[in-house]
Amino acid sequence: MINYYQNHKESLAEIAIKFDVLSSQVYLWKNDFEKE
Protein backbone atom coordinates (compact mmCIF):
# COMPACT_ATOMS: atom_id res chain seq x y z
CA MET A 1 0.00 0.00 0.00
CA ILE A 2 2.79 2.46 0.84
CA ASN A 3 4.55 1.50 -2.39
CA TYR A 4 1.33 2.30 -4.27
CA TYR A 5 1.08 5.64 -2.45
CA GLN A 6 4.64 6.57 -3.39
CA ASN A 7 4.11 5.71 -7.05
CA HIS A 8 0.71 7.36 -7.59
CA LYS A 9 -0.43 10.92 -7.15
CA GLU A 10 -3.36 10.12 -4.87
CA SER A 11 -4.11 11.50 -1.43
CA LEU A 12 -3.94 9.44 1.73
CA ALA A 13 -7.75 9.52 1.85
CA GLU A 14 -8.00 8.12 -1.69
CA ILE A 15 -5.51 5.37 -0.86
CA ALA A 16 -7.47 4.52 2.30
CA ILE A 17 -10.68 4.16 0.31
CA LYS A 18 -8.98 2.05 -2.35
CA PHE A 19 -7.55 -0.37 0.25
CA ASP A 20 -10.55 -0.18 2.62
CA VAL A 21 -8.63 1.12 5.64
CA LEU A 22 -8.76 4.30 7.70
CA SER A 23 -6.79 7.24 6.33
CA SER A 24 -5.21 7.71 9.77
CA GLN A 25 -3.84 4.16 9.54
CA VAL A 26 -2.31 4.88 6.13
CA TYR A 27 -0.71 8.01 7.61
CA LEU A 28 0.81 6.02 10.49
CA TRP A 29 2.13 3.31 8.16
CA LYS A 30 3.60 5.94 5.84
CA ASN A 31 5.42 7.60 8.75
CA ASP A 32 6.74 4.27 10.03
CA PHE A 33 7.92 3.36 6.54
CA GLU A 34 9.74 6.69 6.10
CA LYS A 35 11.60 6.23 9.41
CA GLU A 36 13.20 2.98 8.23
PDB file of N, CA and C in Angstrom:
ATOM      1  N   MET A   1       0.816  -1.178   0.000  1.00  0.00           N
ATOM      2  CA  MET A   1       0.000   0.000   0.000  1.00  0.00           C
ATOM      3  C   MET A   1       0.873   1.260   0.000  1.00  0.00           C
ATOM      4  N   ILE A   2       1.910   1.287   0.804  1.00  0.00           N
ATOM      5  CA  ILE A   2       2.792   2.459   0.840  1.00  0.00           C
ATOM      6  C   ILE A   2       3.534   2.592  -0.490  1.00  0.00           C
ATOM      7  N   ASN A   3       3.926   1.481  -1.065  1.00  0.00           N
ATOM      8  CA  ASN A   3       4.552   1.501  -2.386  1.00  0.00           C
ATOM      9  C   ASN A   3       3.600   2.114  -3.408  1.00  0.00           C
ATOM     10  N   TYR A   4       2.344   1.736  -3.363  1.00  0.00           N
ATOM     11  CA  TYR A   4       1.334   2.298  -4.266  1.00  0.00           C
ATOM     12  C   TYR A   4       1.228   3.807  -4.045  1.00  0.00           C
ATOM     13  N   TYR A   5       1.175   4.218  -2.786  1.00  0.00           N
ATOM     14  CA  TYR A   5       1.076   5.641  -2.453  1.00  0.00           C
ATOM     15  C   TYR A   5       2.251   6.428  -3.033  1.00  0.00           C
ATOM     16  N   GLN A   6       3.448   5.869  -2.912  1.00  0.00           N
ATOM     17  CA  GLN A   6       4.638   6.565  -3.385  1.00  0.00           C
ATOM     18  C   GLN A   6       4.687   6.663  -4.908  1.00  0.00           C
ATOM     19  N   ASN A   7       4.029   5.744  -5.597  1.00  0.00           N
ATOM     20  CA  ASN A   7       4.107   5.708  -7.054  1.00  0.00           C
ATOM     21  C   ASN A   7       2.889   6.291  -7.756  1.00  0.00           C
ATOM     22  N   HIS A   8       1.916   6.775  -7.009  1.00  0.00           N
ATOM     23  CA  HIS A   8       0.713   7.355  -7.593  1.00  0.00           C
ATOM     24  C   HIS A   8       0.436   8.692  -6.927  1.00  0.00           C
ATOM     25  N   LYS A   9      -0.139   9.586  -7.681  1.00  0.00           N
ATOM     26  CA  LYS A   9      -0.431  10.917  -7.148  1.00  0.00           C
ATOM     27  C   LYS A   9      -1.853  10.939  -6.592  1.00  0.00           C
ATOM     28  N   GLU A  10      -2.062  10.164  -5.539  1.00  0.00           N
ATOM     29  CA  GLU A  10      -3.358  10.120  -4.875  1.00  0.00           C
ATOM     30  C   GLU A  10      -3.164  10.515  -3.414  1.00  0.00           C
ATOM     31  N   SER A  11      -4.195  11.085  -2.835  1.00  0.00           N
ATOM     32  CA  SER A  11      -4.113  11.499  -1.432  1.00  0.00           C
ATOM     33  C   SER A  11      -4.189  10.291  -0.509  1.00  0.00           C
ATOM     34  N   LEU A  12      -3.832  10.513   0.742  1.00  0.00           N
ATOM     35  CA  LEU A  12      -3.941   9.438   1.726  1.00  0.00           C
ATOM     36  C   LEU A  12      -5.385   8.968   1.842  1.00  0.00           C
ATOM     37  N   ALA A  13      -6.333   9.893   1.756  1.00  0.00           N
ATOM     38  CA  ALA A  13      -7.751   9.523   1.850  1.00  0.00           C
ATOM     39  C   ALA A  13      -8.154   8.629   0.679  1.00  0.00           C
ATOM     40  N   GLU A  14      -7.683   8.949  -0.520  1.00  0.00           N
ATOM     41  CA  GLU A  14      -8.000   8.125  -1.694  1.00  0.00           C
ATOM     42  C   GLU A  14      -7.385   6.735  -1.578  1.00  0.00           C
ATOM     43  N   ILE A  15      -6.171   6.662  -1.069  1.00  0.00           N
ATOM     44  CA  ILE A  15      -5.514   5.369  -0.863  1.00  0.00           C
ATOM     45  C   ILE A  15      -6.288   4.555   0.168  1.00  0.00           C
ATOM     46  N   ALA A  16      -6.713   5.208   1.247  1.00  0.00           N
ATOM     47  CA  ALA A  16      -7.467   4.521   2.298  1.00  0.00           C
ATOM     48  C   ALA A  16      -8.751   3.919   1.745  1.00  0.00           C
ATOM     49  N   ILE A  17      -9.450   4.670   0.914  1.00  0.00           N
ATOM     50  CA  ILE A  17     -10.683   4.160   0.309  1.00  0.00           C
ATOM     51  C   ILE A  17     -10.372   2.985  -0.601  1.00  0.00           C
ATOM     52  N   LYS A  18      -9.344   3.115  -1.407  1.00  0.00           N
ATOM     53  CA  LYS A  18      -8.981   2.055  -2.354  1.00  0.00           C
ATOM     54  C   LYS A  18      -8.660   0.740  -1.636  1.00  0.00           C
ATOM     55  N   PHE A  19      -7.972   0.833  -0.479  1.00  0.00           N
ATOM     56  CA  PHE A  19      -7.550  -0.366   0.246  1.00  0.00           C
ATOM     57  C   PHE A  19      -8.462  -0.694   1.434  1.00  0.00           C
ATOM     58  N   ASP A  20      -9.550   0.059   1.574  1.00  0.00           N
ATOM     59  CA  ASP A  20     -10.554  -0.177   2.616  1.00  0.00           C
ATOM     60  C   ASP A  20      -9.949  -0.155   4.024  1.00  0.00           C
ATOM     61  N   VAL A  21      -9.186   0.894   4.300  1.00  0.00           N
ATOM     62  CA  VAL A  21      -8.628   1.118   5.639  1.00  0.00           C
ATOM     63  C   VAL A  21      -8.863   2.585   6.009  1.00  0.00           C
ATOM     64  N   LEU A  22      -8.620   2.920   7.258  1.00  0.00           N
ATOM     65  CA  LEU A  22      -8.763   4.304   7.700  1.00  0.00           C
ATOM     66  C   LEU A  22      -7.587   5.141   7.200  1.00  0.00           C
ATOM     67  N   SER A  23      -7.867   6.379   6.821  1.00  0.00           N
ATOM     68  CA  SER A  23      -6.788   7.245   6.332  1.00  0.00           C
ATOM     69  C   SER A  23      -5.748   7.489   7.422  1.00  0.00           C
ATOM     70  N   SER A  24      -6.171   7.522   8.675  1.00  0.00           N
ATOM     71  CA  SER A  24      -5.207   7.706   9.767  1.00  0.00           C
ATOM     72  C   SER A  24      -4.237   6.531   9.844  1.00  0.00           C
ATOM     73  N   GLN A  25      -4.709   5.330   9.523  1.00  0.00           N
ATOM     74  CA  GLN A  25      -3.839   4.158   9.539  1.00  0.00           C
ATOM     75  C   GLN A  25      -2.810   4.253   8.409  1.00  0.00           C
ATOM     76  N   VAL A  26      -3.238   4.698   7.248  1.00  0.00           N
ATOM     77  CA  VAL A  26      -2.306   4.882   6.129  1.00  0.00           C
ATOM     78  C   VAL A  26      -1.236   5.896   6.522  1.00  0.00           C
ATOM     79  N   TYR A  27      -1.645   6.976   7.172  1.00  0.00           N
ATOM     80  CA  TYR A  27      -0.710   8.011   7.612  1.00  0.00           C
ATOM     81  C   TYR A  27       0.332   7.430   8.572  1.00  0.00           C
ATOM     82  N   LEU A  28      -0.118   6.626   9.534  1.00  0.00           N
ATOM     83  CA  LEU A  28       0.812   6.017  10.494  1.00  0.00           C
ATOM     84  C   LEU A  28       1.780   5.068   9.798  1.00  0.00           C
ATOM     85  N   TRP A  29       1.273   4.246   8.893  1.00  0.00           N
ATOM     86  CA  TRP A  29       2.134   3.306   8.164  1.00  0.00           C
ATOM     87  C   TRP A  29       3.152   4.053   7.320  1.00  0.00           C
ATOM     88  N   LYS A  30       2.702   5.135   6.677  1.00  0.00           N
ATOM     89  CA  LYS A  30       3.603   5.935   5.843  1.00  0.00           C
ATOM     90  C   LYS A  30       4.735   6.506   6.698  1.00  0.00           C
ATOM     91  N   ASN A  31       4.400   7.040   7.862  1.00  0.00           N
ATOM     92  CA  ASN A  31       5.423   7.601   8.752  1.00  0.00           C
ATOM     93  C   ASN A  31       6.384   6.532   9.235  1.00  0.00           C
ATOM     94  N   ASP A  32       5.878   5.370   9.600  1.00  0.00           N
ATOM     95  CA  ASP A  32       6.743   4.269  10.032  1.00  0.00           C
ATOM     96  C   ASP A  32       7.671   3.843   8.901  1.00  0.00           C
ATOM     97  N   PHE A  33       7.143   3.770   7.693  1.00  0.00           N
ATOM     98  CA  PHE A  33       7.924   3.361   6.536  1.00  0.00           C
ATOM     99  C   PHE A  33       9.043   4.359   6.259  1.00  0.00           C
ATOM    100  N   GLU A  34       8.744   5.649   6.381  1.00  0.00           N
ATOM    101  CA  GLU A  34       9.738   6.685   6.097  1.00  0.00           C
ATOM    102  C   GLU A  34      10.852   6.718   7.142  1.00  0.00           C
ATOM    103  N   LYS A  35      10.585   6.252   8.352  1.00  0.00           N
ATOM    104  CA  LYS A  35      11.599   6.229   9.412  1.00  0.00           C
ATOM    105  C   LYS A  35      12.656   5.164   9.156  1.00  0.00           C
ATOM    106  N   GLU A  36      12.281   4.111   8.447  1.00  0.00           N
ATOM    107  CA  GLU A  36      13.200   2.981   8.225  1.00  0.00           C
ATOM    108  C   GLU A  36      14.258   3.270   7.221  1.00  0.00           C
TER     109      GLU A  36
END
